[in-house]
Amino acid sequence: MTTNLMNNWIGGQLTPSSSPSTLYVNCPLDGRILAQVPLSNAADVDSAVRAAELAFTGWSKLPIKERAQIFFEYRKLLIEHQDELAQLVHEENGKTIDEALAEVKKSIEVTEFACALPQLTAGEIMEVSRGVECRTEFCPLGVVACITPFNFPNMVPNWTIPNALCLGNTMVLKPSELVPMSAMRLAELLKQAGLPDGVFNVVHGGKDVVEGLCDHPQIQAISFVGSTKVAKLVYVRASAHLKRALALGGAKNHLIVLPDAHLEMTANNVTASMAGCAGQRCMAASAMVGVGDVDPVVNRLVEEARKIVPGMNLGAVISQAAKERIERYIDEAEAEGAVVKLDGRGVKVPGFENGYYVGPTVIDHVKPEMKIAREEVFGPVLSIMRTKTLDEAIDIENKNPYGNAAAVFTQSGGAADYVRERASAGMFGVNIGVPVPREPFAFGGWNDSKFGVGDITGKSSIEFWTKAKKTTRKWNAEARSNWMS
């Protein structure tokens, strides 16, 4: 079989990789080969960085209002092409069309935030003493790098592209080698929007590219989104080279359900959180902790989960290896005594028998020490643990090493605040299964879900992608002086 080999995007044009190594990109929906992606090397990284360096001087000297105008046009193009972009995500990632379209709409929202950056980065100025003025301004860092995962091939790159570039940086992006096509389409749309050549570059590959980005002396900052294991490695390696680094890792998000929880709302929210994007998101509910008698909620959410049908309103997982790994977690939990109330193993979708599908799975009476209760499954699987008291439930949440998200389902404001104050998570929900902050509020977790300071989106991203310059001026020698001047 002959498959078109993709190229890198360097200096505003398609550029062949200097590496002979390649990888096939498979469609999770049916297993067919979509493309062949190069596994680039350090030489390719260096070429992209040189292009970004050449573009930096002119790009960074543009007033931010002029840079923002390009992102107004980029936003327009995202809207015009949203159906096409969603189809691309659907094919290379496997999520449903509706989920893919929601992903693109989130990209549009974060781009809208970038368009507002001229109003948010105006700096400050004050006459601090007679004749003495202090001023702060936000300056770009230079060439930056972003490493993005397979689960949101359109949205996660756009967590960084609009903000980092609008703030005056130039960029090298390494998308997941499993989903490289969305990144290339974004590169084309950015060029069409008027972005100068070299400001945005894409280098495809795996470990060699990641290490090349971490090690390159001209890259000033790196953002990473992926597994905790790799996030730690990227953060340590990039920091060792004196770069700014913000690395977002995995999660084990706990939804604490109290007996007074609204039955319909809770069942719907927990089910949607567990199965949305086939569970392949770091904000998915993978662990529910029921306090007291929550059997009505459990029974109802099983009913709701039965309505989720692979190939219809449930997408595929990313690969055959992922499918096998998820099913092993279920096997082990069942062997250890957990009760599988809804089983998604062994799913075959008619007409898509070669696809990588796992059906919605609900496992009750899971013990906190079980592997499935401690590790990130990254599939449409909900583990239910039972406690007698709210403090026991909070203790389970606190002991997990991650800290991306947590939520409580209750009709008691006092109970909700009690959990909120004690949950060890950077994003918290009350009667919301996926408590993702909307712009301008920032996305970011705690503990082993994030390494570095600040958040990747929202206002917090401004500080990460810029450095502050403080200027003190005095022109009037005749001004009356005191100790401050």
Protein backbone atom coordinates (compact mmCIF):
# COMPACT_ATOMS: atom_id res chain seq x y z
CA MET A 1 0.00 0.00 0.00
CA THR A 2 1.28 3.45 -0.93
CA THR A 3 0.36 6.24 1.47
CA ASN A 4 1.23 9.89 1.09
CA LEU A 5 4.06 10.90 3.38
CA MET A 6 3.33 14.05 5.35
CA ASN A 7 5.85 16.86 5.62
CA ASN A 8 6.83 19.24 8.37
CA TRP A 9 5.75 22.88 8.18
CA ILE A 10 8.79 25.15 8.41
CA GLY A 11 9.10 28.78 7.36
CA GLY A 12 5.55 28.85 6.01
CA GLN A 13 5.92 25.88 3.63
CA LEU A 14 5.83 22.11 3.52
CA THR A 15 9.32 20.79 4.22
CA PRO A 16 10.39 17.13 3.99
CA SER A 17 11.92 15.64 7.12
CA SER A 18 15.59 14.72 7.03
CA SER A 19 14.78 11.49 8.87
CA PRO A 20 13.99 8.29 6.93
CA SER A 21 11.86 6.92 9.79
CA THR A 22 8.07 7.07 9.45
CA LEU A 23 4.91 5.92 11.20
CA TYR A 24 1.51 5.03 9.78
CA VAL A 25 -1.44 7.04 11.08
CA ASN A 26 -4.48 4.81 11.55
CA CYS A 27 -8.12 5.85 11.74
CA PRO A 28 -9.48 4.60 15.09
CA LEU A 29 -12.98 4.28 13.61
CA ASP A 30 -12.09 1.46 11.22
CA GLY A 31 -8.35 0.86 11.39
CA ARG A 32 -7.59 2.12 7.88
CA ILE A 33 -4.35 3.99 7.20
CA LEU A 34 -4.87 7.73 6.85
CA ALA A 35 -1.34 8.96 6.31
CA GLN A 36 2.32 8.33 6.91
CA VAL A 37 4.04 10.74 9.27
CA PRO A 38 7.79 11.36 9.53
CA LEU A 39 9.58 10.68 12.80
CA SER A 40 11.74 13.76 12.58
CA ASN A 41 15.03 14.35 14.35
CA ALA A 42 17.07 17.09 16.03
CA ALA A 43 18.16 18.48 12.65
CA ASP A 44 14.54 19.10 11.73
CA VAL A 45 13.96 20.78 15.08
CA ASP A 46 16.95 23.02 14.44
CA SER A 47 15.60 24.00 11.01
CA ALA A 48 12.27 24.96 12.52
CA VAL A 49 13.89 26.93 15.33
CA ARG A 50 16.04 28.85 12.83
CA ALA A 51 12.93 29.77 10.85
CA ALA A 52 11.20 30.89 14.03
CA GLU A 53 14.24 32.95 15.07
CA LEU A 54 14.32 34.73 11.71
CA ALA A 55 10.63 35.58 12.00
CA PHE A 56 10.81 36.73 15.63
CA THR A 57 12.37 40.15 15.12
CA GLY A 58 9.74 41.42 12.70
CA TRP A 59 6.81 39.70 14.41
CA SER A 60 7.66 40.82 17.94
CA LYS A 61 8.11 44.45 16.82
CA LEU A 62 4.58 44.64 15.47
CA PRO A 63 2.18 46.38 17.87
CA ILE A 64 0.05 43.81 19.64
CA LYS A 65 -3.08 45.31 18.12
CA GLU A 66 -1.73 44.46 14.66
CA ARG A 67 -0.85 40.92 15.74
CA ALA A 68 -4.34 40.52 17.18
CA GLN A 69 -5.91 41.45 13.84
CA ILE A 70 -4.47 38.27 12.36
CA PHE A 71 -6.21 36.25 15.03
CA PHE A 72 -9.51 37.96 14.32
CA GLU A 73 -9.10 36.62 10.79
CA TYR A 74 -7.96 33.21 12.10
CA ARG A 75 -11.09 33.04 14.27
CA LYS A 76 -13.19 33.78 11.19
CA LEU A 77 -11.50 30.95 9.30
CA LEU A 78 -12.01 28.51 12.18
CA ILE A 79 -15.73 29.30 12.07
CA GLU A 80 -15.92 29.00 8.29
CA HIS A 81 -14.10 25.64 8.32
CA GLN A 82 -15.45 24.24 11.58
CA ASP A 83 -17.30 21.33 9.93
CA GLU A 84 -14.22 20.36 7.92
CA LEU A 85 -12.00 20.64 11.01
CA ALA A 86 -14.44 18.54 13.04
CA GLN A 87 -14.44 15.85 10.35
CA LEU A 88 -10.65 15.78 10.46
CA VAL A 89 -10.67 15.32 14.26
CA HIS A 90 -13.36 12.64 13.92
CA GLU A 91 -11.22 10.64 11.49
CA GLU A 92 -7.81 10.89 13.11
CA ASN A 93 -8.93 10.79 16.76
CA GLY A 94 -12.11 8.70 16.60
CA LYS A 95 -14.43 10.90 18.65
CA THR A 96 -17.96 11.56 17.46
CA ILE A 97 -18.70 14.42 15.06
CA ASP A 98 -20.59 16.29 17.79
CA GLU A 99 -17.63 15.98 20.18
CA ALA A 100 -15.20 17.01 17.46
CA LEU A 101 -17.31 20.06 16.63
CA ALA A 102 -17.41 21.02 20.32
CA GLU A 103 -13.61 20.79 20.35
CA VAL A 104 -13.35 23.19 17.42
CA LYS A 105 -15.80 25.58 19.07
CA LYS A 106 -13.56 25.64 22.14
CA SER A 107 -10.65 26.52 19.84
CA ILE A 108 -12.72 29.42 18.57
CA GLU A 109 -13.38 30.57 22.14
CA VAL A 110 -9.70 30.58 23.15
CA THR A 111 -8.88 32.45 19.95
CA GLU A 112 -11.46 35.07 20.92
CA PHE A 113 -9.62 35.47 24.21
CA ALA A 114 -6.36 36.04 22.32
CA CYS A 115 -8.06 38.76 20.30
CA ALA A 116 -8.71 40.56 23.61
CA LEU A 117 -5.06 40.45 24.69
CA PRO A 118 -4.36 44.06 23.63
CA GLN A 119 -6.83 45.15 26.31
CA LEU A 120 -5.36 42.79 28.92
CA THR A 121 -1.68 43.60 28.37
CA ALA A 122 -1.76 47.37 28.36
CA GLY A 123 0.72 47.43 31.25
CA GLU A 124 0.74 49.93 34.10
CA ILE A 125 2.14 53.40 34.57
CA MET A 126 2.29 55.63 37.64
CA GLU A 127 4.01 58.76 38.81
CA VAL A 128 5.53 57.31 41.95
CA SER A 129 7.20 60.55 43.03
CA ARG A 130 7.40 64.12 41.71
CA GLY A 131 9.04 63.81 38.31
CA VAL A 132 9.53 60.03 38.60
CA GLU A 133 7.45 57.59 36.58
CA CYS A 134 7.36 53.76 36.81
CA ARG A 135 6.00 51.59 34.02
CA THR A 136 5.59 47.86 33.31
CA GLU A 137 5.12 46.22 29.93
CA PHE A 138 4.81 42.64 28.68
CA CYS A 139 7.61 41.49 26.37
CA PRO A 140 7.64 38.26 24.32
CA LEU A 141 10.12 35.54 25.24
CA GLY A 142 11.32 34.57 21.76
CA VAL A 143 11.00 31.12 20.20
CA VAL A 144 8.72 28.82 22.22
CA ALA A 145 7.65 25.20 21.78
CA CYS A 146 4.43 23.31 22.39
CA ILE A 147 4.02 19.54 22.62
CA THR A 148 0.42 18.38 22.33
CA PRO A 149 -1.44 15.06 22.84
CA PHE A 150 -3.66 12.85 20.72
CA ASN A 151 -6.95 13.36 22.56
CA PHE A 152 -7.69 16.93 21.40
CA PRO A 153 -5.80 17.44 18.12
CA ASN A 154 -7.50 20.78 17.41
CA MET A 155 -8.25 22.28 20.82
CA VAL A 156 -5.03 21.71 22.78
CA PRO A 157 -2.78 23.24 20.11
CA ASN A 158 -5.14 26.22 20.20
CA TRP A 159 -4.73 26.46 23.96
CA THR A 160 -1.27 27.81 23.13
CA ILE A 161 -1.09 29.02 19.51
CA PRO A 162 -3.28 32.17 19.69
CA ASN A 163 -2.05 33.41 23.08
CA ALA A 164 1.66 32.69 22.64
CA LEU A 165 1.79 34.14 19.13
CA CYS A 166 -0.43 37.15 19.75
CA LEU A 167 1.87 38.02 22.66
CA GLY A 168 4.74 38.26 20.17
CA ASN A 169 6.48 34.88 20.37
CA THR A 170 7.22 32.54 17.49
CA MET A 171 6.55 28.82 17.83
CA VAL A 172 7.52 25.26 17.01
CA LEU A 173 4.64 22.82 17.57
CA LYS A 174 5.08 19.07 17.92
CA PRO A 175 1.66 17.43 17.66
CA SER A 176 1.10 13.83 18.67
CA GLU A 177 2.36 11.54 15.95
CA LEU A 178 -0.97 9.70 16.25
CA VAL A 179 -2.99 12.75 15.12
CA PRO A 180 -0.77 14.95 12.94
CA MET A 181 -3.29 16.11 10.35
CA SER A 182 -5.23 18.69 12.35
CA ALA A 183 -2.02 20.58 13.17
CA MET A 184 -1.16 20.85 9.48
CA ARG A 185 -4.57 22.24 8.64
CA LEU A 186 -4.21 24.82 11.41
CA ALA A 187 -0.86 25.85 9.90
CA GLU A 188 -2.55 26.43 6.55
CA LEU A 189 -5.34 28.48 8.13
CA LEU A 190 -2.86 30.61 10.07
CA LYS A 191 -0.99 31.38 6.86
CA GLN A 192 -4.27 32.19 5.14
CA ALA A 193 -5.12 34.53 8.04
CA GLY A 194 -1.96 36.51 7.29
CA LEU A 195 0.52 35.09 9.80
CA PRO A 196 4.06 35.78 8.50
CA ASP A 197 6.13 32.80 7.43
CA GLY A 198 8.22 31.28 10.21
CA VAL A 199 6.08 32.55 13.08
CA PHE A 200 4.41 29.13 13.35
CA ASN A 201 6.17 25.85 12.52
CA VAL A 202 5.25 22.18 12.88
CA VAL A 203 7.72 19.33 13.36
CA HIS A 204 6.30 15.81 13.42
CA GLY A 205 7.85 12.98 15.40
CA GLY A 206 8.22 11.25 18.71
CA LYS A 207 10.79 11.14 21.48
CA ASP A 208 13.66 12.55 19.39
CA VAL A 209 11.69 15.71 18.61
CA VAL A 210 10.58 16.15 22.23
CA GLU A 211 14.14 15.84 23.46
CA GLY A 212 15.37 18.14 20.69
CA LEU A 213 12.91 20.82 21.77
CA CYS A 214 13.84 20.45 25.44
CA ASP A 215 17.55 20.71 24.64
CA HIS A 216 17.60 23.42 22.00
CA PRO A 217 19.37 26.51 23.39
CA GLN A 218 17.24 29.01 21.44
CA ILE A 219 13.89 27.77 22.72
CA GLN A 220 12.85 29.89 25.68
CA ALA A 221 9.75 28.08 26.96
CA ILE A 222 7.93 24.78 26.51
CA SER A 223 4.36 23.76 27.20
CA PHE A 224 3.40 20.09 27.28
CA VAL A 225 0.10 18.23 27.60
CA GLY A 226 0.08 14.45 27.94
CA SER A 227 0.65 11.67 30.44
CA THR A 228 2.08 12.40 33.89
CA LYS A 229 5.04 10.11 33.25
CA VAL A 230 6.13 12.08 30.19
CA ALA A 231 5.12 15.43 31.72
CA LYS A 232 7.60 14.88 34.54
CA LEU A 233 10.38 13.96 32.08
CA VAL A 234 9.70 17.01 29.90
CA TYR A 235 9.54 19.37 32.87
CA VAL A 236 12.79 18.08 34.37
CA ARG A 237 14.66 18.07 31.05
CA ALA A 238 13.45 21.49 29.93
CA SER A 239 14.11 23.02 33.35
CA ALA A 240 17.59 21.53 33.38
CA HIS A 241 18.23 23.60 30.25
CA LEU A 242 16.96 26.70 32.10
CA LYS A 243 13.74 26.97 30.10
CA ARG A 244 10.35 27.94 31.37
CA ALA A 245 8.24 24.81 31.40
CA LEU A 246 4.59 24.07 32.04
CA ALA A 247 3.75 20.38 31.74
CA LEU A 248 0.20 19.12 32.23
CA GLY A 249 -0.14 15.44 33.04
CA GLY A 250 -2.83 12.88 33.69
CA ALA A 251 -5.65 12.70 36.19
CA LYS A 252 -7.86 10.53 38.35
CA ASN A 253 -10.88 12.73 38.87
CA HIS A 254 -13.22 11.88 41.74
CA LEU A 255 -16.93 12.71 41.74
CA ILE A 256 -18.30 12.55 45.28
CA VAL A 257 -22.02 11.77 45.31
CA LEU A 258 -24.13 12.39 48.42
CA PRO A 259 -27.53 10.77 49.11
CA ASP A 260 -29.34 14.09 48.56
CA ALA A 261 -27.94 14.52 45.05
CA HIS A 262 -30.50 15.30 42.35
CA LEU A 263 -31.11 11.92 40.74
CA GLU A 264 -31.53 12.87 37.07
CA MET A 265 -28.90 15.61 36.99
CA THR A 266 -26.32 13.48 38.78
CA ALA A 267 -26.85 10.38 36.67
CA ASN A 268 -26.70 12.38 33.44
CA ASN A 269 -23.63 14.38 34.46
CA VAL A 270 -21.62 11.44 35.78
CA THR A 271 -22.41 9.34 32.72
CA ALA A 272 -21.52 12.13 30.30
CA SER A 273 -18.31 12.84 32.17
CA MET A 274 -17.31 9.19 32.15
CA ALA A 275 -18.09 8.46 28.49
CA GLY A 276 -17.54 11.77 26.73
CA CYS A 277 -14.70 11.62 24.18
CA ALA A 278 -14.59 7.87 24.96
CA GLY A 279 -13.14 8.79 28.37
CA GLN A 280 -9.96 10.03 26.68
CA ARG A 281 -9.70 13.37 28.42
CA CYS A 282 -7.91 14.46 31.56
CA MET A 283 -11.18 15.91 32.91
CA ALA A 284 -13.14 12.65 32.59
CA ALA A 285 -14.86 11.21 35.65
CA SER A 286 -13.12 7.91 36.16
CA ALA A 287 -13.92 7.47 39.87
CA MET A 288 -17.21 8.02 41.66
CA VAL A 289 -17.29 7.92 45.45
CA GLY A 290 -20.77 7.29 46.80
CA VAL A 291 -21.45 8.40 50.38
CA GLY A 292 -24.14 6.36 52.13
CA ASP A 293 -27.09 5.08 50.14
CA VAL A 294 -26.53 6.10 46.54
CA ASP A 295 -28.03 2.98 44.94
CA PRO A 296 -30.76 5.02 43.17
CA VAL A 297 -28.06 7.15 41.49
CA VAL A 298 -25.97 4.11 40.55
CA ASN A 299 -28.96 2.30 39.07
CA ARG A 300 -30.02 5.36 37.12
CA LEU A 301 -26.56 6.10 35.73
CA VAL A 302 -26.31 2.49 34.53
CA GLU A 303 -29.58 3.06 32.67
CA GLU A 304 -28.19 6.24 31.16
CA ALA A 305 -24.92 4.54 30.23
CA ARG A 306 -26.83 1.84 28.34
CA LYS A 307 -28.07 4.59 25.99
CA ILE A 308 -24.48 5.26 24.93
CA VAL A 309 -23.82 3.10 21.89
CA PRO A 310 -20.36 2.63 20.33
CA GLY A 311 -20.31 3.87 16.77
CA MET A 312 -23.36 6.07 17.33
CA ASN A 313 -22.93 8.42 20.28
CA LEU A 314 -19.66 6.94 21.56
CA GLY A 315 -16.46 7.24 19.58
CA ALA A 316 -13.49 4.95 19.33
CA VAL A 317 -10.39 4.93 21.50
CA ILE A 318 -7.16 5.93 19.84
CA SER A 319 -5.58 2.52 19.07
CA GLN A 320 -5.82 -1.23 19.42
CA ALA A 321 -3.19 -1.04 22.15
CA ALA A 322 -5.35 1.44 24.07
CA LYS A 323 -8.40 -0.81 23.71
CA GLU A 324 -6.48 -3.80 25.06
CA ARG A 325 -5.05 -1.79 27.96
CA ILE A 326 -8.49 -0.49 29.01
CA GLU A 327 -10.00 -3.96 28.88
CA ARG A 328 -7.16 -5.33 31.03
CA TYR A 329 -8.08 -2.83 33.74
CA ILE A 330 -11.66 -4.14 33.68
CA ASP A 331 -10.48 -7.77 33.75
CA GLU A 332 -8.26 -7.13 36.76
CA ALA A 333 -10.92 -5.24 38.70
CA GLU A 334 -13.43 -8.03 38.14
CA ALA A 335 -10.88 -10.65 39.19
CA GLU A 336 -10.27 -8.68 42.40
CA GLY A 337 -13.96 -8.75 43.35
CA ALA A 338 -15.42 -5.59 41.83
CA VAL A 339 -18.87 -5.92 40.24
CA VAL A 340 -19.16 -5.08 36.54
CA LYS A 341 -22.67 -3.66 36.25
CA LEU A 342 -22.26 -2.62 32.62
CA ASP A 343 -19.61 -4.30 30.47
CA GLY A 344 -18.07 -2.62 27.45
CA ARG A 345 -15.49 -5.27 26.62
CA GLY A 346 -15.35 -7.04 23.27
CA VAL A 347 -17.37 -4.45 21.37
CA LYS A 348 -17.66 -4.73 17.60
CA VAL A 349 -19.46 -2.04 15.61
CA PRO A 350 -21.24 -3.39 12.51
CA GLY A 351 -19.46 -2.11 9.44
CA PHE A 352 -16.50 -0.96 11.51
CA GLU A 353 -15.26 -4.29 12.84
CA ASN A 354 -11.63 -3.17 12.64
CA GLY A 355 -12.29 -0.08 14.75
CA TYR A 356 -10.98 0.39 18.28
CA TYR A 357 -14.12 0.53 20.42
CA VAL A 358 -14.74 0.03 24.13
CA GLY A 359 -18.32 0.30 25.31
CA PRO A 360 -19.41 2.28 28.40
CA THR A 361 -18.42 0.33 31.51
CA VAL A 362 -19.65 0.80 35.08
CA ILE A 363 -17.84 -1.10 37.84
CA ASP A 364 -19.29 -1.03 41.36
CA HIS A 365 -17.80 -1.90 44.75
CA VAL A 366 -14.29 -0.99 43.71
CA LYS A 367 -11.81 -0.80 46.57
CA PRO A 368 -9.49 2.22 46.83
CA GLU A 369 -6.41 0.00 46.76
CA MET A 370 -7.34 -1.60 43.42
CA LYS A 371 -5.28 -0.64 40.39
CA ILE A 372 -8.33 0.63 38.51
CA ALA A 373 -9.07 3.00 41.42
CA ARG A 374 -5.55 4.43 41.49
CA GLU A 375 -4.42 4.71 37.86
CA GLU A 376 -5.67 6.69 34.88
CA VAL A 377 -7.60 4.29 32.64
CA PHE A 378 -8.29 6.81 29.84
CA GLY A 379 -11.37 5.03 28.56
CA PRO A 380 -15.17 5.09 29.04
CA VAL A 381 -14.93 3.32 32.39
CA LEU A 382 -16.40 4.45 35.73
CA SER A 383 -15.16 2.92 38.98
CA ILE A 384 -17.57 3.30 41.91
CA MET A 385 -16.29 3.25 45.47
CA ARG A 386 -18.51 3.31 48.57
CA THR A 387 -18.00 5.11 51.88
CA LYS A 388 -20.10 5.66 54.98
CA THR A 389 -19.04 9.25 55.62
CA LEU A 390 -18.16 12.34 53.63
CA ASP A 391 -14.76 12.58 55.33
CA GLU A 392 -13.92 9.06 54.14
CA ALA A 393 -14.78 10.09 50.60
CA ILE A 394 -12.62 13.21 50.82
CA ASP A 395 -9.77 11.11 52.20
CA ILE A 396 -9.93 8.86 49.11
CA GLU A 397 -9.83 11.89 46.85
CA ASN A 398 -6.94 13.47 48.75
CA LYS A 399 -4.81 10.33 48.68
CA ASN A 400 -4.77 10.01 44.90
CA PRO A 401 -1.55 11.51 43.50
CA TYR A 402 -3.27 13.56 40.81
CA GLY A 403 -5.12 16.82 41.24
CA ASN A 404 -6.73 17.88 37.99
CA ALA A 405 -10.42 17.92 38.91
CA ALA A 406 -12.91 16.91 41.58
CA ALA A 407 -16.64 17.42 41.97
CA VAL A 408 -19.44 16.95 44.46
CA PHE A 409 -23.09 16.22 43.74
CA THR A 410 -25.42 17.46 46.45
CA GLN A 411 -28.27 19.89 47.10
CA SER A 412 -26.54 21.17 50.24
CA GLY A 413 -24.51 24.35 49.86
CA GLY A 414 -22.77 23.62 53.16
CA ALA A 415 -21.72 20.15 52.06
CA ALA A 416 -20.54 21.50 48.70
CA ASP A 417 -18.34 24.11 50.39
CA TYR A 418 -17.04 21.51 52.85
CA VAL A 419 -15.78 19.36 49.96
CA ARG A 420 -14.54 22.30 47.91
CA GLU A 421 -12.36 23.54 50.75
CA ARG A 422 -10.81 20.11 51.27
CA ALA A 423 -10.53 18.64 47.76
CA SER A 424 -6.96 18.50 46.46
CA ALA A 425 -7.70 19.55 42.89
CA GLY A 426 -7.09 22.63 40.80
CA MET A 427 -10.53 22.56 39.16
CA PHE A 428 -13.66 21.84 41.16
CA GLY A 429 -17.28 21.30 40.23
CA VAL A 430 -20.56 21.43 42.10
CA ASN A 431 -23.12 19.29 40.29
CA ILE A 432 -20.89 19.48 37.20
CA GLY A 433 -19.08 16.38 35.99
CA VAL A 434 -16.52 18.16 33.79
CA PRO A 435 -15.61 21.40 35.62
CA VAL A 436 -13.52 22.96 32.85
CA PRO A 437 -13.23 26.75 33.36
CA ARG A 438 -14.36 28.89 30.46
CA GLU A 439 -12.29 31.79 29.17
CA PRO A 440 -10.93 34.00 30.68
CA PHE A 441 -10.60 31.56 33.58
CA ALA A 442 -7.55 29.33 33.32
CA PHE A 443 -7.20 25.57 32.84
CA GLY A 444 -4.77 23.81 35.18
CA GLY A 445 -4.62 21.20 37.92
CA TRP A 446 -2.54 20.49 41.00
CA ASN A 447 -0.19 17.81 42.29
CA ASP A 448 0.90 15.21 39.70
CA SER A 449 -1.47 16.72 37.14
CA LYS A 450 0.72 19.78 36.59
CA PHE A 451 4.41 20.62 36.77
CA GLY A 452 5.38 24.25 36.61
CA VAL A 453 3.89 27.58 37.66
CA GLY A 454 0.78 29.16 36.17
CA ASP A 455 -1.88 27.78 33.87
CA ILE A 456 -1.97 27.13 30.15
CA THR A 457 -5.02 29.21 29.19
CA GLY A 458 -6.80 32.35 30.31
CA LYS A 459 -5.23 35.33 32.01
CA SER A 460 -2.64 33.14 33.72
CA SER A 461 -1.11 32.32 30.33
CA ILE A 462 -0.02 35.92 29.82
CA GLU A 463 2.59 35.68 32.54
CA PHE A 464 3.89 32.36 31.21
CA TRP A 465 4.33 33.55 27.61
CA THR A 466 5.86 36.94 28.43
CA LYS A 467 8.44 38.59 30.64
CA ALA A 468 7.80 41.88 32.42
CA LYS A 469 9.98 44.90 31.75
CA LYS A 470 9.95 47.59 34.43
CA THR A 471 11.04 51.09 33.46
CA THR A 472 11.68 54.00 35.83
CA ARG A 473 12.02 57.47 34.23
CA LYS A 474 13.05 60.87 35.49
CA TRP A 475 13.30 63.82 33.14
CA ASN A 476 12.78 66.86 35.35
CA ALA A 477 16.00 67.66 37.20
CA GLU A 478 14.31 70.63 38.89
CA ALA A 479 11.56 68.49 40.41
CA ARG A 480 11.52 68.46 44.13
CA SER A 481 13.19 65.28 45.37
CA ASN A 482 12.54 63.04 48.32
CA TRP A 483 13.76 59.60 49.37
CA MET A 484 11.70 57.86 46.67
CA SER A 485 13.34 59.83 43.84
